[in-house]
Amino acid sequence: MPPQKTTRPRKDEDRTRALFNAFQEAILIHDPETGAILDANARACSLFGYAQEELLALPMGNLSVGLAPYTQEDALAWIRKAAQGSPQTFEWLAHDCKGRIFWVEMNLHLATLDGAPRILSTVRDIRDRKRLESDHKTRLKRAEAQNVVFLALAEAGSNFQRALDLIARYLAADIGDLAVVELMDDRGRLFPHAVDQPYMDGTELLPNISALNTATPLDSIPARVAASGTPLRLEDSKGARILESLRPEFHPFLRRYNAHSILAVPLRSQGVTLGTLTLAKGSASRPYSEEDQTMLQNLADRAGLALTNAKLFSENLQQAEQLRRANVELEARVAARTAELEQLNQRLKQMAIEDALTGLANRRRFNEVMDEEIRRARRGKKLFTLLMCDVDFFKRYNDHYGHQGGDDCLRAVGEIMREVFRRAGELPVRYGGEEFAVILPGVNQESGLKAAEKLLKALAERAIPHARSDAAAHVSLSIGLISARVEQERDADWFIARADAALYQSKEDGRNRATAARM
């Protein structure tokens, strides 16, 4: 009988592929030299909307919006860092095969697959999280914009053109991106009277308002809103319909900033349409929402009243008095809302206990926990240990690798500290700049030194290159440690001062080491 063919390798390959495709997170495998996509699981294909063959043929940059810092060159820079053995985690503004833009979090790791070095990239869809963050910021910004425009109208008094300019300026800066105020003439034609935008390099793309002496085309969105008296929103990710909807003079600006959304509302006073407020948004920002529309219409109605009063101020004293009373009411409401926003900001500050760069507890949280743990230890006359750490030669690191590299270094140190100090009660902290601290309640000096050595070993194993360090070839720490029983006179400052002194002794002794304070 002829020998039977074995199917085991094929089955193993099929099983591996099935497991690869079963992962809920999108996974891409890259060549570490070129960044080319060598393989992708089913979730990655679904996320970006490509068949696997199409996805493998695309450079990484084609999966992003193509604007810095989300370009092919930026992608290769992240891959090169990961290829050097330093895992990379960053947020990436991606788009799918249909051009829809969305946020992902990418984690890049160096791995050996089939005997060859590869970059393993996991891609997590974070658009919901980003949407919540954006909505929160947008609500605050929307309220602030409404306040400043109301104040601007109150300050404008009878200066009609100044009121128009202020409306355009604040709408452009606080809601974005292009703001146009257009008014009806006696024949019912619409003309631009104020225009503004927030970008430093955008002014040269806008026409001089005095040169816009022809009526706005009747098929444009502002003219349609003025004729109907109802708001109108339009979204178009490719921008062609956006260009068709506004005057040609604004097209250079709209093309430069990839305008994708328009919002226009009628500017009304006492039931009569005076003109329109139009906003056009571009770049990577979200489209205008119903909340934006409601807020802008409220603004337009209030602005319409203010503009009418300003125009007739010198001819009608009674209307001038109405304007004064309206402004008093406006200022009171703005003051009340501003106070509410201030209270909200204070509450948000109080809630902020995490360092944004490293994800560790921040200085405020450190102070709170130090006081709490010292009080607890004092009641039981227990031991309390504090580590103070400083990244060795960090200024040289920043000068050599750049500020982005410095940020990556601090993130990596924070990640290592979270891995080392994960037991209940242990609290790693970013103390400030390149300084870190660790609170170790109930730990004696011997255990504290072991914990410090464990941290130094973890840093050495991670081997983050540091070409300008005199202490080691990799990023290292100088650590000072104080371990003592908490007596009545020993407060947080007492522990910090002694841990700092021990830290400086570590530096004097050559850095990349831990030193216990002398008692």
Protein backbone atom coordinates (compact mmCIF):
# COMPACT_ATOMS: atom_id res chain seq x y z
CA MET A 1 0.00 0.00 0.00
CA PRO A 2 1.26 3.51 -0.74
CA PRO A 3 2.10 5.60 2.38
CA GLN A 4 -0.77 7.75 3.60
CA LYS A 5 -0.31 11.53 3.42
CA THR A 6 -0.33 13.33 6.77
CA THR A 7 -2.74 16.27 7.15
CA ARG A 8 -1.54 17.42 10.53
CA PRO A 9 0.52 20.47 9.36
CA ARG A 10 -2.41 21.63 7.30
CA LYS A 11 -4.76 21.16 10.24
CA ASP A 12 -2.39 23.07 12.52
CA GLU A 13 -2.22 25.91 10.01
CA ASP A 14 -6.01 25.98 9.70
CA ARG A 15 -6.38 25.94 13.48
CA THR A 16 -3.91 28.82 13.85
CA ARG A 17 -5.73 30.83 11.18
CA ALA A 18 -9.09 30.13 12.86
CA LEU A 19 -7.74 31.33 16.21
CA PHE A 20 -6.19 34.39 14.53
CA ASN A 21 -9.54 35.31 12.96
CA ALA A 22 -11.45 34.61 16.18
CA PHE A 23 -9.81 37.48 18.06
CA GLN A 24 -12.27 40.31 18.77
CA GLU A 25 -9.53 42.91 18.38
CA ALA A 26 -8.18 43.76 14.96
CA ILE A 27 -4.64 42.44 14.41
CA LEU A 28 -2.14 43.48 11.74
CA ILE A 29 1.29 41.95 11.20
CA HIS A 30 3.96 44.26 9.73
CA ASP A 31 7.39 43.92 8.26
CA PRO A 32 9.63 45.80 10.76
CA GLU A 33 11.81 47.23 7.99
CA THR A 34 9.23 48.52 5.51
CA GLY A 35 6.09 48.65 7.65
CA ALA A 36 4.24 46.64 4.98
CA ILE A 37 1.15 44.77 6.16
CA LEU A 38 1.97 41.06 5.88
CA ASP A 39 -1.17 39.62 7.42
CA ALA A 40 -4.49 40.74 8.93
CA ASN A 41 -7.21 38.93 10.80
CA ALA A 42 -10.91 39.00 9.96
CA ARG A 43 -11.64 41.72 12.53
CA ALA A 44 -9.05 44.03 10.92
CA CYS A 45 -10.61 43.52 7.50
CA SER A 46 -14.05 44.24 8.94
CA LEU A 47 -12.85 47.32 10.82
CA PHE A 48 -11.30 48.95 7.75
CA GLY A 49 -13.82 47.53 5.27
CA TYR A 50 -11.32 45.83 2.94
CA ALA A 51 -10.97 42.29 1.72
CA GLN A 52 -7.79 40.73 3.07
CA GLU A 53 -5.99 40.91 -0.30
CA GLU A 54 -6.85 44.62 -0.58
CA LEU A 55 -5.71 45.35 2.97
CA LEU A 56 -2.37 43.60 2.53
CA ALA A 57 -1.69 45.69 -0.57
CA LEU A 58 -2.09 49.01 1.29
CA PRO A 59 0.66 50.95 3.08
CA MET A 60 -0.16 51.88 6.69
CA GLY A 61 -0.56 55.54 5.75
CA ASN A 62 -3.54 54.67 3.54
CA LEU A 63 -5.47 53.63 6.66
CA SER A 64 -5.23 57.16 8.12
CA VAL A 65 -6.50 60.63 7.27
CA GLY A 66 -3.11 61.38 5.73
CA LEU A 67 -2.46 64.53 7.77
CA ALA A 68 0.32 64.83 10.37
CA PRO A 69 0.68 63.16 12.78
CA TYR A 70 -1.30 60.41 11.00
CA THR A 71 0.77 59.84 7.85
CA GLN A 72 2.76 56.97 6.36
CA GLU A 73 5.95 58.53 7.76
CA ASP A 74 4.42 58.76 11.24
CA ALA A 75 3.32 55.12 11.01
CA LEU A 76 6.83 54.02 10.04
CA ALA A 77 8.29 56.00 12.95
CA TRP A 78 6.05 54.12 15.42
CA ILE A 79 6.93 50.78 13.80
CA ARG A 80 10.67 51.52 13.98
CA LYS A 81 10.37 52.29 17.70
CA ALA A 82 8.52 49.04 18.28
CA ALA A 83 11.14 47.21 16.22
CA GLN A 84 13.78 48.47 18.66
CA GLY A 85 12.05 46.47 21.39
CA SER A 86 9.97 49.24 22.93
CA PRO A 87 6.21 48.50 22.71
CA GLN A 88 4.26 51.47 21.42
CA THR A 89 0.72 52.53 22.29
CA PHE A 90 -0.85 55.53 20.57
CA GLU A 91 -4.10 56.86 19.18
CA TRP A 92 -4.51 56.92 15.40
CA LEU A 93 -7.04 58.80 13.29
CA ALA A 94 -8.00 56.16 10.73
CA HIS A 95 -10.44 55.87 7.87
CA ASP A 96 -12.08 52.88 6.23
CA CYS A 97 -12.45 51.95 2.59
CA LYS A 98 -15.38 54.38 2.22
CA GLY A 99 -13.44 57.31 3.63
CA ARG A 100 -15.23 57.33 6.99
CA ILE A 101 -12.95 58.73 9.69
CA PHE A 102 -12.74 57.09 13.12
CA TRP A 103 -10.36 56.81 16.09
CA VAL A 104 -8.43 53.67 17.03
CA GLU A 105 -5.88 52.82 19.70
CA MET A 106 -2.87 50.95 18.32
CA ASN A 107 -0.49 48.74 20.30
CA LEU A 108 2.72 47.71 18.51
CA HIS A 109 4.95 44.90 19.80
CA LEU A 110 8.02 43.19 18.40
CA ALA A 111 7.40 39.43 18.05
CA THR A 112 9.00 36.45 16.35
CA LEU A 113 6.62 34.69 13.98
CA ASP A 114 7.70 31.65 11.94
CA GLY A 115 11.29 32.38 12.93
CA ALA A 116 11.29 35.97 11.63
CA PRO A 117 10.97 39.31 13.50
CA ARG A 118 7.57 40.91 12.96
CA ILE A 119 5.64 43.84 14.36
CA LEU A 120 2.36 42.68 15.88
CA SER A 121 -0.19 45.49 15.90
CA THR A 122 -3.50 45.27 17.77
CA VAL A 123 -6.06 47.88 16.77
CA ARG A 124 -8.92 48.79 19.11
CA ASP A 125 -11.90 50.87 17.98
CA ILE A 126 -12.19 53.79 20.44
CA ARG A 127 -14.61 55.97 18.53
CA ASP A 128 -17.25 55.64 21.29
CA ARG A 129 -14.80 56.83 23.92
CA LYS A 130 -13.64 59.67 21.68
CA ARG A 131 -17.23 60.58 20.95
CA LEU A 132 -17.99 60.89 24.67
CA GLU A 133 -14.87 63.00 25.21
CA SER A 134 -15.73 65.17 22.23
CA ASP A 135 -19.35 65.59 23.30
CA HIS A 136 -18.27 66.68 26.77
CA LYS A 137 -15.79 69.21 25.40
CA THR A 138 -18.28 70.36 22.80
CA ARG A 139 -20.96 71.06 25.41
CA LEU A 140 -18.56 73.17 27.45
CA LYS A 141 -17.29 74.94 24.35
CA ARG A 142 -20.81 75.50 23.10
CA ALA A 143 -21.83 77.12 26.38
CA GLU A 144 -18.69 79.27 26.41
CA ALA A 145 -19.28 80.34 22.81
CA GLN A 146 -22.83 81.34 23.61
CA ASN A 147 -21.65 83.37 26.58
CA VAL A 148 -18.91 85.23 24.72
CA VAL A 149 -21.18 86.04 21.77
CA PHE A 150 -23.87 87.37 24.12
CA LEU A 151 -21.24 89.50 25.85
CA ALA A 152 -19.89 90.66 22.49
CA LEU A 153 -23.37 91.74 21.42
CA ALA A 154 -23.83 93.58 24.70
CA GLU A 155 -20.51 95.39 24.24
CA ALA A 156 -21.15 96.27 20.60
CA GLY A 157 -23.88 98.75 21.53
CA SER A 158 -25.02 100.70 18.49
CA ASN A 159 -21.98 99.76 16.37
CA PHE A 160 -23.73 97.57 13.82
CA GLN A 161 -20.67 96.33 11.88
CA ARG A 162 -18.71 95.64 15.06
CA ALA A 163 -21.52 93.39 16.27
CA LEU A 164 -21.41 91.45 12.99
CA ASP A 165 -17.62 91.06 13.16
CA LEU A 166 -17.73 89.86 16.77
CA ILE A 167 -20.39 87.27 15.97
CA ALA A 168 -18.29 85.85 13.11
CA ARG A 169 -15.08 85.89 15.17
CA TYR A 170 -16.45 84.04 18.17
CA LEU A 171 -18.44 81.52 16.16
CA ALA A 172 -15.34 80.68 14.09
CA ALA A 173 -13.07 80.34 17.12
CA ASP A 174 -15.38 78.54 19.55
CA ILE A 175 -17.58 76.41 17.29
CA GLY A 176 -15.53 76.36 14.06
CA ASP A 177 -14.37 76.55 11.46
CA LEU A 178 -15.57 79.07 8.86
CA ALA A 179 -18.23 81.56 10.06
CA VAL A 180 -20.15 83.79 7.63
CA VAL A 181 -22.79 86.38 8.55
CA GLU A 182 -25.04 87.35 5.62
CA LEU A 183 -27.83 89.95 5.60
CA MET A 184 -30.81 90.59 3.32
CA ASP A 185 -31.02 93.86 1.41
CA ASP A 186 -34.27 95.71 0.67
CA ARG A 187 -34.84 93.56 -2.44
CA GLY A 188 -34.50 90.30 -0.52
CA ARG A 189 -31.02 89.46 -1.82
CA LEU A 190 -28.41 87.96 0.51
CA PHE A 191 -24.92 89.51 0.87
CA PRO A 192 -21.96 88.56 3.14
CA HIS A 193 -21.26 91.22 5.81
CA ALA A 194 -18.76 89.44 8.09
CA VAL A 195 -16.50 86.38 7.75
CA ASP A 196 -13.90 84.82 10.04
CA GLN A 197 -11.93 81.60 10.65
CA PRO A 198 -9.56 80.44 13.44
CA TYR A 199 -6.48 79.21 11.55
CA MET A 200 -3.28 81.27 11.32
CA ASP A 201 -2.69 80.21 7.73
CA GLY A 202 -6.33 80.44 6.70
CA THR A 203 -6.74 84.20 6.36
CA GLU A 204 -5.05 84.39 2.96
CA LEU A 205 -7.56 81.86 1.63
CA LEU A 206 -10.55 84.07 2.44
CA PRO A 207 -11.79 86.87 0.19
CA ASN A 208 -11.92 90.48 1.32
CA ILE A 209 -15.46 91.06 2.56
CA SER A 210 -15.68 94.34 0.64
CA ALA A 211 -15.01 92.44 -2.60
CA LEU A 212 -18.08 90.24 -2.13
CA ASN A 213 -20.42 92.73 -3.77
CA THR A 214 -22.56 90.22 -5.66
CA ALA A 215 -25.61 88.50 -4.20
CA THR A 216 -25.23 85.01 -2.76
CA PRO A 217 -26.40 82.44 -5.39
CA LEU A 218 -30.01 81.38 -4.93
CA ASP A 219 -29.11 77.67 -4.99
CA SER A 220 -26.63 78.04 -2.11
CA ILE A 221 -27.50 76.82 1.38
CA PRO A 222 -27.55 80.32 2.97
CA ALA A 223 -29.95 81.61 0.31
CA ARG A 224 -32.22 78.57 0.73
CA VAL A 225 -32.25 79.05 4.53
CA ALA A 226 -33.04 82.75 4.16
CA ALA A 227 -35.90 81.95 1.77
CA SER A 228 -37.42 79.17 3.90
CA GLY A 229 -36.67 80.58 7.36
CA THR A 230 -35.64 77.12 8.58
CA PRO A 231 -32.19 75.79 9.59
CA LEU A 232 -30.28 73.38 7.39
CA ARG A 233 -27.45 70.93 8.10
CA LEU A 234 -25.39 69.09 5.49
CA GLU A 235 -22.67 66.44 5.80
CA ASP A 236 -20.43 65.19 3.03
CA SER A 237 -17.13 63.49 3.92
CA LYS A 238 -15.80 63.98 0.38
CA GLY A 239 -16.68 67.68 0.31
CA ALA A 240 -18.14 67.99 -3.20
CA ARG A 241 -21.64 68.90 -1.98
CA ILE A 242 -20.11 71.33 0.50
CA LEU A 243 -18.42 73.26 -2.30
CA GLU A 244 -21.67 73.35 -4.28
CA SER A 245 -23.49 74.80 -1.27
CA LEU A 246 -21.41 77.93 -0.64
CA ARG A 247 -20.08 80.83 -2.67
CA PRO A 248 -17.09 80.04 -4.93
CA GLU A 249 -15.01 82.67 -3.09
CA PHE A 250 -14.92 80.37 -0.04
CA HIS A 251 -13.87 77.25 -1.97
CA PRO A 252 -10.07 77.64 -1.46
CA PHE A 253 -10.58 77.66 2.31
CA LEU A 254 -13.04 74.75 2.20
CA ARG A 255 -10.67 72.64 0.08
CA ARG A 256 -7.63 73.43 2.22
CA TYR A 257 -9.34 72.27 5.42
CA ASN A 258 -11.36 69.41 3.90
CA ALA A 259 -14.75 70.85 4.84
CA HIS A 260 -17.23 68.07 5.56
CA SER A 261 -20.16 69.71 7.36
CA ILE A 262 -22.30 72.85 7.00
CA LEU A 263 -24.79 74.37 9.43
CA ALA A 264 -26.88 77.43 8.50
CA VAL A 265 -29.67 79.08 10.49
CA PRO A 266 -31.86 82.12 9.78
CA LEU A 267 -30.99 85.36 11.55
CA ARG A 268 -34.42 86.58 12.69
CA SER A 269 -35.96 89.43 14.60
CA GLN A 270 -39.65 89.67 15.53
CA GLY A 271 -40.55 86.97 13.01
CA VAL A 272 -38.70 88.65 10.10
CA THR A 273 -35.65 87.01 8.53
CA LEU A 274 -32.76 89.50 8.44
CA GLY A 275 -30.11 87.15 7.08
CA THR A 276 -28.25 83.95 7.97
CA LEU A 277 -25.45 82.58 10.16
CA THR A 278 -23.50 79.87 8.34
CA LEU A 279 -20.76 77.61 9.72
CA ALA A 280 -18.57 75.18 7.76
CA LYS A 281 -16.39 72.62 9.59
CA GLY A 282 -13.39 70.67 8.30
CA SER A 283 -10.26 68.69 9.19
CA ALA A 284 -10.78 65.79 11.62
CA SER A 285 -13.55 67.39 13.66
CA ARG A 286 -16.96 65.81 14.12
CA PRO A 287 -19.92 67.03 12.02
CA TYR A 288 -22.38 69.57 13.44
CA SER A 289 -25.06 68.08 15.68
CA GLU A 290 -28.66 68.90 16.52
CA GLU A 291 -27.39 70.50 19.73
CA ASP A 292 -25.13 72.75 17.64
CA GLN A 293 -28.13 73.68 15.51
CA THR A 294 -30.31 74.49 18.53
CA MET A 295 -27.58 76.58 20.14
CA LEU A 296 -26.78 78.44 16.90
CA GLN A 297 -30.45 79.19 16.28
CA ASN A 298 -30.78 80.54 19.82
CA LEU A 299 -27.71 82.67 19.19
CA ALA A 300 -29.05 83.85 15.84
CA ASP A 301 -32.38 84.86 17.34
CA ARG A 302 -30.66 86.81 20.11
CA ALA A 303 -28.20 88.29 17.62
CA GLY A 304 -31.05 89.26 15.31
CA LEU A 305 -32.69 91.24 18.08
CA ALA A 306 -29.41 92.90 19.04
CA LEU A 307 -28.62 93.78 15.42
CA THR A 308 -32.05 95.27 14.86
CA ASN A 309 -31.77 97.34 17.99
CA ALA A 310 -28.27 98.47 17.11
CA LYS A 311 -29.36 99.57 13.63
CA LEU A 312 -32.31 101.60 14.87
CA PHE A 313 -30.73 102.87 18.09
CA SER A 314 -30.14 106.43 16.94
CA GLU A 315 -33.67 106.80 15.48
CA ASN A 316 -35.81 105.34 18.24
CA LEU A 317 -35.12 106.01 21.93
CA GLN A 318 -37.76 103.55 23.01
CA GLN A 319 -36.07 100.71 21.13
CA ALA A 320 -32.75 101.86 22.62
CA GLU A 321 -34.24 101.44 26.10
CA GLN A 322 -35.47 97.96 25.20
CA LEU A 323 -31.96 97.14 24.05
CA ARG A 324 -30.54 98.38 27.36
CA ARG A 325 -32.95 96.20 29.37
CA ALA A 326 -32.20 93.22 27.08
CA ASN A 327 -28.48 93.74 27.64
CA VAL A 328 -28.96 93.92 31.42
CA GLU A 329 -30.86 90.64 31.31
CA LEU A 330 -28.23 89.21 28.97
CA GLU A 331 -25.37 90.20 31.28
CA ALA A 332 -27.16 88.70 34.29
CA ARG A 333 -27.70 85.41 32.47
CA VAL A 334 -24.14 85.36 31.18
CA ALA A 335 -22.82 86.07 34.68
CA ALA A 336 -24.94 83.27 36.13
CA ARG A 337 -23.89 80.84 33.41
CA THR A 338 -20.25 81.87 33.76
CA ALA A 339 -20.47 81.18 37.50
CA GLU A 340 -21.98 77.75 36.77
CA LEU A 341 -19.17 76.99 34.32
CA GLU A 342 -16.60 78.08 36.88
CA GLN A 343 -18.14 75.75 39.45
CA LEU A 344 -18.14 72.93 36.90
CA ASN A 345 -14.48 73.58 36.07
CA GLN A 346 -13.63 73.46 39.76
CA ARG A 347 -15.42 70.15 40.14
CA LEU A 348 -13.61 68.75 37.11
CA LYS A 349 -10.27 69.85 38.55
CA GLN A 350 -11.09 68.15 41.82
CA MET A 351 -11.92 64.96 39.95
CA ALA A 352 -8.64 64.95 38.06
CA ILE A 353 -6.42 62.50 39.98
CA GLU A 354 -4.63 60.83 37.07
CA ASP A 355 -1.56 62.01 35.20
CA ALA A 356 -2.58 62.40 31.55
CA LEU A 357 0.77 61.32 30.09
CA THR A 358 1.64 58.18 32.11
CA GLY A 359 -1.72 57.06 33.48
CA LEU A 360 -0.26 56.96 36.99
CA ALA A 361 -1.72 58.82 39.96
CA ASN A 362 -0.83 62.51 39.83
CA ARG A 363 0.66 64.83 42.46
CA ARG A 364 -2.74 65.76 43.88
CA ARG A 365 -3.61 62.11 44.40
CA PHE A 366 -0.16 61.53 45.93
CA ASN A 367 -0.75 64.25 48.53
CA GLU A 368 -4.18 62.88 49.43
CA VAL A 369 -2.99 59.26 49.79
CA MET A 370 0.18 60.26 51.70
CA ASP A 371 -1.84 62.13 54.31
CA GLU A 372 -4.40 59.34 54.57
CA GLU A 373 -1.85 56.50 54.86
CA ILE A 374 0.32 58.39 57.37
CA ARG A 375 -2.70 59.05 59.57
CA ARG A 376 -3.64 55.37 59.39
CA ALA A 377 -0.07 54.24 60.16
CA ARG A 378 0.23 56.73 63.03
CA ARG A 379 -2.88 55.33 64.72
CA GLY A 380 -1.41 51.81 64.65
CA LYS A 381 2.25 52.90 64.99
CA LYS A 382 2.96 50.95 61.81
CA LEU A 383 5.77 51.12 59.30
CA PHE A 384 5.49 53.37 56.24
CA THR A 385 7.82 53.32 53.24
CA LEU A 386 8.23 55.92 50.49
CA LEU A 387 10.31 55.69 47.30
CA MET A 388 11.32 58.84 45.42
CA CYS A 389 12.64 58.17 41.90
CA ASP A 390 14.26 60.32 39.21
CA VAL A 391 14.95 59.30 35.58
CA ASP A 392 18.72 59.48 35.13
CA PHE A 393 19.96 62.18 32.74
CA PHE A 394 16.47 62.84 31.45
CA LYS A 395 17.37 66.28 30.06
CA ARG A 396 20.04 64.64 27.91
CA TYR A 397 17.45 62.07 26.82
CA ASN A 398 15.06 64.84 25.77
CA ASP A 399 17.80 66.73 23.95
CA HIS A 400 18.87 63.58 22.07
CA TYR A 401 15.52 61.90 21.30
CA GLY A 402 13.25 64.97 21.21
CA HIS A 403 10.26 65.88 23.34
CA GLN A 404 8.08 63.18 21.78
CA GLY A 405 10.75 60.64 22.61
CA GLY A 406 10.87 62.04 26.15
CA ASP A 407 7.12 61.61 26.47
CA ASP A 408 7.41 58.03 25.19
CA CYS A 409 10.13 57.37 27.77
CA LEU A 410 7.98 58.67 30.65
CA ARG A 411 5.02 56.61 29.43
CA ALA A 412 7.20 53.48 29.38
CA VAL A 413 8.49 54.17 32.91
CA GLY A 414 4.90 54.63 34.07
CA GLU A 415 3.88 51.35 32.42
CA ILE A 416 6.76 49.48 34.13
CA MET A 417 5.86 51.00 37.51
CA ARG A 418 2.27 49.84 37.12
CA GLU A 419 3.53 46.32 36.36
CA VAL A 420 5.89 46.23 39.35
CA PHE A 421 3.62 47.88 41.92
CA ARG A 422 0.24 46.26 41.52
CA ARG A 423 -0.50 44.90 44.99
CA ALA A 424 -3.23 46.41 47.16
CA GLY A 425 -2.08 49.57 48.89
CA GLU A 426 0.90 50.19 46.60
CA LEU A 427 0.58 53.46 44.72
CA PRO A 428 3.02 54.47 41.93
CA VAL A 429 2.83 58.20 41.19
CA ARG A 430 4.16 60.67 38.66
CA TYR A 431 5.44 63.26 41.13
CA GLY A 432 6.31 65.84 38.48
CA GLY A 433 8.44 66.09 35.32
CA GLU A 434 10.77 63.07 35.29
CA GLU A 435 10.23 62.42 39.01
CA PHE A 436 8.18 59.47 40.27
CA ALA A 437 7.23 58.21 43.71
CA VAL A 438 5.85 55.00 45.21
CA ILE A 439 3.82 54.78 48.43
CA LEU A 440 4.29 51.43 50.24
CA PRO A 441 2.20 51.29 53.44
CA GLY A 442 3.25 48.71 56.05
CA VAL A 443 6.49 47.78 54.21
CA ASN A 444 9.82 47.58 56.06
CA GLN A 445 13.16 48.82 54.74
CA GLU A 446 14.34 45.42 53.51
CA SER A 447 11.15 44.82 51.52
CA GLY A 448 11.24 48.40 50.27
CA LEU A 449 14.78 47.95 48.93
CA LYS A 450 13.74 44.68 47.27
CA ALA A 451 10.84 46.51 45.61
CA ALA A 452 13.21 49.24 44.41
CA GLU A 453 15.65 46.65 43.02
CA LYS A 454 12.75 44.91 41.29
CA LEU A 455 11.87 48.21 39.60
CA LEU A 456 15.48 48.75 38.49
CA LYS A 457 15.61 45.19 37.14
CA ALA A 458 12.36 45.67 35.20
CA LEU A 459 13.79 48.83 33.62
CA ALA A 460 16.97 46.99 32.68
CA GLU A 461 14.96 44.15 31.12
CA ARG A 462 12.88 46.63 29.12
CA ALA A 463 16.18 48.16 27.95
CA ILE A 464 14.88 51.48 26.66
CA PRO A 465 17.98 52.87 24.88
CA HIS A 466 19.60 55.96 26.42
CA ALA A 467 22.62 56.93 24.33
CA ARG A 468 23.48 59.96 26.45
CA SER A 469 23.41 58.33 29.92
CA ASP A 470 26.56 57.96 32.01
CA ALA A 471 24.76 55.50 34.31
CA ALA A 472 23.67 52.77 31.89
CA ALA A 473 23.05 52.06 28.22
CA HIS A 474 19.34 52.01 28.96
CA VAL A 475 16.92 54.31 30.75
CA SER A 476 17.49 53.95 34.50
CA LEU A 477 16.36 55.47 37.77
CA SER A 478 18.02 56.87 40.86
CA ILE A 479 15.90 55.87 43.86
CA GLY A 480 15.80 57.13 47.44
CA LEU A 481 13.96 55.19 50.12
CA ILE A 482 12.76 56.01 53.62
CA SER A 483 11.16 53.37 55.84
CA ALA A 484 10.12 54.26 59.39
CA ARG A 485 7.37 53.95 61.94
CA VAL A 486 4.98 56.88 61.84
CA GLU A 487 5.31 58.80 65.07
CA GLN A 488 3.56 62.01 66.05
CA GLU A 489 6.12 64.41 64.57
CA ARG A 490 6.63 62.42 61.36
CA ASP A 491 4.37 63.81 58.65
CA ALA A 492 4.39 63.63 54.84
CA ASP A 493 7.06 66.34 54.51
CA TRP A 494 9.30 64.43 56.92
CA PHE A 495 9.16 61.29 54.77
CA ILE A 496 9.53 63.20 51.48
CA ALA A 497 12.58 65.14 52.71
CA ARG A 498 14.42 61.97 53.78
CA ALA A 499 13.51 60.05 50.65
CA ASP A 500 14.77 63.02 48.60
CA ALA A 501 18.04 63.05 50.53
CA ALA A 502 18.50 59.33 49.87
CA LEU A 503 17.67 59.94 46.20
CA TYR A 504 20.46 62.52 45.90
CA GLN A 505 22.84 60.07 47.61
CA SER A 506 22.00 57.55 44.86
CA LYS A 507 22.91 60.18 42.30
CA GLU A 508 26.18 60.96 44.10
CA ASP A 509 27.04 57.25 44.15
CA GLY A 510 26.67 56.85 40.38
CA ARG A 511 22.89 56.65 39.74
CA ASN A 512 20.95 53.55 38.56
CA ARG A 513 20.65 52.38 42.14
CA ALA A 514 18.52 52.55 45.27
CA THR A 515 19.68 54.05 48.58
CA ALA A 516 17.92 53.84 51.94
CA ALA A 517 17.83 56.93 54.16
CA ARG A 518 19.91 56.82 57.30
CA MET A 519 17.90 57.06 60.52
